[in-house]
N, C-alpha and C. Protein backbone atom coordinates (compact mmCIF):
# COMPACT_ATOMS: atom_id res chain seq x y z
N MET A 1 10.64 5.39 -5.13
CA MET A 1 9.23 5.51 -5.44
C MET A 1 8.97 5.12 -6.89
N ALA A 2 9.84 5.53 -7.80
CA ALA A 2 9.64 5.24 -9.21
C ALA A 2 9.69 3.75 -9.51
N PRO A 3 10.61 2.97 -8.92
CA PRO A 3 10.60 1.52 -9.20
C PRO A 3 9.31 0.84 -8.72
N VAL A 4 8.78 1.29 -7.60
CA VAL A 4 7.54 0.71 -7.09
C VAL A 4 6.38 1.04 -8.03
N ALA A 5 6.31 2.28 -8.46
CA ALA A 5 5.24 2.68 -9.37
C ALA A 5 5.34 1.95 -10.70
N SER A 6 6.54 1.82 -11.23
CA SER A 6 6.69 1.13 -12.51
C SER A 6 6.38 -0.36 -12.37
N SER A 7 6.71 -0.95 -11.23
CA SER A 7 6.39 -2.36 -11.00
C SER A 7 4.89 -2.57 -10.93
N LEU A 8 4.21 -1.67 -10.24
CA LEU A 8 2.75 -1.78 -10.15
C LEU A 8 2.09 -1.62 -11.52
N ILE A 9 2.59 -0.68 -12.29
CA ILE A 9 2.06 -0.49 -13.65
C ILE A 9 2.31 -1.73 -14.49
N SER A 10 3.48 -2.32 -14.38
CA SER A 10 3.79 -3.53 -15.15
C SER A 10 2.89 -4.69 -14.74
N ILE A 11 2.61 -4.81 -13.45
CA ILE A 11 1.73 -5.89 -12.99
C ILE A 11 0.32 -5.69 -13.52
N VAL A 12 -0.17 -4.46 -13.48
CA VAL A 12 -1.51 -4.19 -14.00
C VAL A 12 -1.56 -4.47 -15.50
N LEU A 13 -0.54 -4.05 -16.21
CA LEU A 13 -0.50 -4.28 -17.66
C LEU A 13 -0.36 -5.76 -18.01
N ALA A 14 0.21 -6.53 -17.10
CA ALA A 14 0.35 -7.97 -17.34
C ALA A 14 -1.01 -8.65 -17.46
N PHE A 15 -2.01 -8.13 -16.73
CA PHE A 15 -3.35 -8.68 -16.84
C PHE A 15 -4.02 -8.28 -18.13
N ILE A 16 -3.63 -7.15 -18.67
CA ILE A 16 -4.21 -6.68 -19.93
C ILE A 16 -3.50 -7.33 -21.10
N SER A 17 -2.17 -7.21 -21.11
CA SER A 17 -1.39 -7.77 -22.21
C SER A 17 0.04 -8.00 -21.72
N PRO A 18 0.54 -9.21 -21.90
CA PRO A 18 1.93 -9.47 -21.50
C PRO A 18 2.93 -8.59 -22.26
N LEU A 19 2.65 -8.33 -23.50
CA LEU A 19 3.54 -7.49 -24.30
C LEU A 19 3.60 -6.07 -23.74
N ALA A 20 2.45 -5.54 -23.32
CA ALA A 20 2.43 -4.20 -22.74
C ALA A 20 3.23 -4.15 -21.45
N SER A 21 3.17 -5.21 -20.67
CA SER A 21 3.94 -5.27 -19.43
C SER A 21 5.44 -5.26 -19.72
N ILE A 22 5.86 -6.03 -20.70
CA ILE A 22 7.28 -6.09 -21.06
C ILE A 22 7.75 -4.73 -21.60
N LEU A 23 6.92 -4.12 -22.43
CA LEU A 23 7.28 -2.80 -22.97
C LEU A 23 7.37 -1.75 -21.86
N SER A 24 6.48 -1.83 -20.89
CA SER A 24 6.54 -0.91 -19.75
C SER A 24 7.83 -1.10 -18.97
N PHE A 25 8.24 -2.35 -18.77
CA PHE A 25 9.49 -2.63 -18.06
C PHE A 25 10.68 -2.10 -18.84
N LEU A 26 10.72 -2.31 -20.14
CA LEU A 26 11.82 -1.81 -20.96
C LEU A 26 11.87 -0.28 -20.97
N LEU A 27 10.72 0.34 -21.00
CA LEU A 27 10.66 1.80 -20.97
C LEU A 27 11.21 2.33 -19.65
N THR A 28 10.91 1.64 -18.57
CA THR A 28 11.45 2.02 -17.27
C THR A 28 12.97 1.91 -17.26
N LEU A 29 13.50 0.84 -17.81
CA LEU A 29 14.96 0.68 -17.87
C LEU A 29 15.62 1.79 -18.68
N ILE A 30 15.00 2.17 -19.76
CA ILE A 30 15.54 3.25 -20.60
C ILE A 30 15.54 4.57 -19.84
N PHE A 31 14.43 4.86 -19.14
CA PHE A 31 14.36 6.10 -18.37
C PHE A 31 15.39 6.14 -17.25
N VAL A 32 15.59 5.02 -16.57
CA VAL A 32 16.58 4.96 -15.50
C VAL A 32 17.98 5.22 -16.08
N PHE A 33 18.27 4.63 -17.22
CA PHE A 33 19.56 4.84 -17.87
C PHE A 33 19.75 6.32 -18.24
N LEU A 34 18.73 6.93 -18.80
CA LEU A 34 18.84 8.34 -19.19
C LEU A 34 19.02 9.25 -17.98
N ILE A 35 18.30 8.96 -16.89
CA ILE A 35 18.43 9.78 -15.69
C ILE A 35 19.83 9.64 -15.10
N ARG A 36 20.37 8.42 -15.10
CA ARG A 36 21.73 8.22 -14.58
C ARG A 36 22.77 8.95 -15.41
N MET A 37 22.61 8.93 -16.72
CA MET A 37 23.56 9.62 -17.58
C MET A 37 23.47 11.13 -17.39
N LYS A 38 22.26 11.63 -17.20
CA LYS A 38 22.09 13.08 -16.99
C LYS A 38 22.74 13.49 -15.67
N ARG A 39 22.55 12.70 -14.62
CA ARG A 39 23.16 13.02 -13.33
C ARG A 39 24.67 12.89 -13.40
N PHE A 40 25.16 11.89 -14.12
CA PHE A 40 26.61 11.70 -14.24
C PHE A 40 27.26 12.88 -14.92
N SER A 41 26.59 13.46 -15.90
CA SER A 41 27.18 14.60 -16.60
C SER A 41 27.21 15.85 -15.71
N LYS A 42 26.34 15.91 -14.70
CA LYS A 42 26.32 17.06 -13.79
C LYS A 42 27.39 16.96 -12.72
N ASP A 43 27.84 15.74 -12.41
CA ASP A 43 28.88 15.55 -11.41
C ASP A 43 30.22 15.93 -12.00
N ASN A 44 30.66 17.15 -11.73
CA ASN A 44 31.89 17.62 -12.34
C ASN A 44 32.82 18.14 -11.24
N PHE A 45 33.87 17.38 -10.97
CA PHE A 45 34.84 17.77 -9.97
C PHE A 45 36.19 18.11 -10.61
N ASP A 46 36.18 18.43 -11.88
CA ASP A 46 37.43 18.71 -12.59
C ASP A 46 38.07 20.03 -12.15
N ASP A 47 37.24 20.99 -11.75
CA ASP A 47 37.76 22.31 -11.39
C ASP A 47 38.31 22.37 -9.97
N ILE A 48 38.13 21.29 -9.20
CA ILE A 48 38.55 21.27 -7.81
C ILE A 48 39.87 20.53 -7.69
N ASP A 49 40.79 21.08 -6.92
CA ASP A 49 42.07 20.42 -6.68
C ASP A 49 41.88 19.34 -5.62
N LEU A 50 42.05 18.09 -6.03
CA LEU A 50 41.88 16.96 -5.12
C LEU A 50 43.15 16.11 -5.10
N THR A 51 43.35 15.44 -3.99
CA THR A 51 44.48 14.51 -3.91
C THR A 51 44.11 13.24 -4.67
N ASP A 52 45.10 12.40 -4.92
CA ASP A 52 44.85 11.16 -5.64
C ASP A 52 43.88 10.25 -4.88
N ASP A 53 44.00 10.23 -3.55
CA ASP A 53 43.10 9.41 -2.74
C ASP A 53 41.66 9.90 -2.83
N GLU A 54 41.49 11.21 -2.83
CA GLU A 54 40.14 11.77 -2.95
C GLU A 54 39.54 11.49 -4.32
N LYS A 55 40.36 11.59 -5.37
CA LYS A 55 39.88 11.28 -6.72
C LYS A 55 39.48 9.81 -6.84
N GLU A 56 40.27 8.94 -6.23
CA GLU A 56 39.96 7.52 -6.25
C GLU A 56 38.66 7.24 -5.49
N PHE A 57 38.49 7.91 -4.35
CA PHE A 57 37.28 7.75 -3.54
C PHE A 57 36.05 8.20 -4.32
N ILE A 58 36.14 9.34 -4.98
CA ILE A 58 35.01 9.84 -5.79
C ILE A 58 34.75 8.91 -6.96
N GLY A 59 35.80 8.38 -7.56
CA GLY A 59 35.63 7.42 -8.66
C GLY A 59 34.92 6.17 -8.20
N ASN A 60 35.25 5.69 -7.00
CA ASN A 60 34.58 4.50 -6.46
C ASN A 60 33.11 4.78 -6.17
N ILE A 61 32.82 5.97 -5.68
CA ILE A 61 31.42 6.34 -5.43
C ILE A 61 30.65 6.39 -6.75
N ARG A 62 31.25 6.98 -7.77
CA ARG A 62 30.58 7.03 -9.08
C ARG A 62 30.31 5.64 -9.62
N LYS A 63 31.27 4.72 -9.47
CA LYS A 63 31.08 3.35 -9.95
C LYS A 63 29.93 2.68 -9.21
N CYS A 64 29.83 2.95 -7.90
CA CYS A 64 28.73 2.36 -7.12
C CYS A 64 27.37 2.91 -7.54
N ILE A 65 27.33 4.20 -7.81
CA ILE A 65 26.05 4.83 -8.13
C ILE A 65 25.66 4.57 -9.59
N TYR A 66 26.57 4.81 -10.51
CA TYR A 66 26.24 4.77 -11.93
C TYR A 66 26.61 3.47 -12.61
N GLY A 67 27.41 2.65 -11.97
CA GLY A 67 27.88 1.43 -12.62
C GLY A 67 29.07 1.73 -13.51
N GLU A 68 29.60 0.70 -14.10
CA GLU A 68 30.77 0.90 -14.96
C GLU A 68 30.37 0.84 -16.40
């Protein structure tokens, strides 16, 4: 929902000012980055005893979700 809303806002701002549209897009990217970092810090599986395969699987999921 958020990407759609930010895209619509950027399109509307493009008619007003191209600079405002670009700034809106950059602000969206910053917010997405901050939200991903906040969620990544909450994902804590250190206290759980996992096998190496399970740790690798969770690591692959994290890479898919948060990027490298």
